[in-house]
Amino acid sequence: MTYVALSPKFQIVIPKGVRKALNLVAGQRMEARVVGDHVELVPELPITSIRGMCRGINTDVPNDPEVNQGRGL
């Protein structure tokens, strides 16, 4: 188990082993959640991380003829 200390400015340093295990990088944003009597830090994932999540979904959308009127399309 790894322990960290809270600085006088209310900051903590995430230990190197934890950073490596979660692939955290400097400047990465995190959500701080209060869960019961403890705090959870949840890394914010880039939008590109969901690429391919809905593989196989039909993405064909028919054109709306009303939208295309007056645009020379």
Protein backbone atom coordinates (compact mmCIF):
# COMPACT_ATOMS: atom_id res chain seq x y z
CA MET A 1 0.00 0.00 0.00
CA THR A 2 1.29 3.44 -0.93
CA TYR A 3 0.64 6.50 1.21
CA VAL A 4 0.90 10.16 0.24
CA ALA A 5 0.92 13.34 2.32
CA LEU A 6 -1.24 16.40 1.83
CA SER A 7 0.92 19.53 1.47
CA PRO A 8 0.17 22.85 3.19
CA LYS A 9 -1.31 23.95 -0.18
CA PHE A 10 -3.61 20.89 -0.15
CA GLN A 11 -1.66 19.17 -2.95
CA ILE A 12 -0.63 15.54 -3.26
CA VAL A 13 1.97 13.80 -5.41
CA ILE A 14 0.79 10.67 -7.16
CA PRO A 15 3.53 8.04 -6.72
CA LYS A 16 5.45 6.96 -9.82
CA GLY A 17 4.19 3.38 -9.66
CA VAL A 18 0.58 4.55 -9.67
CA ARG A 19 1.24 7.01 -12.52
CA LYS A 20 2.83 4.28 -14.61
CA ALA A 21 0.10 1.73 -13.87
CA LEU A 22 -2.61 4.19 -14.99
CA ASN A 23 -0.59 5.81 -17.80
CA LEU A 24 -1.04 9.26 -16.27
CA VAL A 25 0.77 12.23 -17.78
CA ALA A 26 1.62 15.67 -16.44
CA GLY A 27 -1.19 18.14 -16.96
CA GLN A 28 -3.84 15.45 -17.36
CA ARG A 29 -7.18 16.47 -15.89
CA MET A 30 -8.91 14.39 -13.23
CA GLU A 31 -12.31 14.36 -11.64
CA ALA A 32 -12.26 14.43 -7.84
CA ARG A 33 -15.19 12.53 -6.33
CA VAL A 34 -16.20 12.17 -2.71
CA VAL A 35 -17.28 8.57 -2.13
CA GLY A 36 -18.40 7.94 1.41
CA ASP A 37 -15.43 8.88 3.57
CA HIS A 38 -12.74 8.97 0.89
CA VAL A 39 -11.75 10.77 -2.32
CA GLU A 40 -11.47 9.12 -5.74
CA LEU A 41 -9.43 10.71 -8.54
CA VAL A 42 -10.75 9.60 -11.92
CA PRO A 43 -8.64 10.46 -15.00
CA GLU A 44 -10.47 12.34 -17.73
CA LEU A 45 -10.13 10.33 -20.92
CA PRO A 46 -9.64 11.92 -24.34
CA ILE A 47 -12.63 11.70 -26.69
CA THR A 48 -10.52 9.58 -29.04
CA SER A 49 -10.54 6.80 -26.44
CA ILE A 50 -14.14 5.92 -27.34
CA ARG A 51 -13.32 5.41 -31.01
CA GLY A 52 -14.74 2.09 -32.18
CA MET A 53 -17.01 1.72 -29.14
CA CYS A 54 -20.12 1.41 -31.34
CA ARG A 55 -18.60 -0.77 -34.00
CA GLY A 56 -21.22 -2.20 -36.35
CA ILE A 57 -23.80 0.54 -35.80
CA ASN A 58 -25.51 1.82 -38.95
CA THR A 59 -24.28 5.36 -39.60
CA ASP A 60 -26.13 5.90 -42.88
CA VAL A 61 -28.40 8.89 -42.45
CA PRO A 62 -30.74 9.88 -45.29
CA ASN A 63 -30.53 13.48 -46.48
CA ASP A 64 -33.36 15.73 -45.38
CA PRO A 65 -34.71 17.36 -48.57
CA GLU A 66 -35.90 20.44 -46.63
CA VAL A 67 -32.41 21.13 -45.30
CA ASN A 68 -30.85 21.00 -48.78
CA GLN A 69 -33.33 23.44 -50.40
CA GLY A 70 -31.95 26.85 -51.27
CA ARG A 71 -28.31 25.80 -50.97
CA GLY A 72 -27.88 24.69 -54.56
CA LEU A 73 -27.37 21.09 -53.47
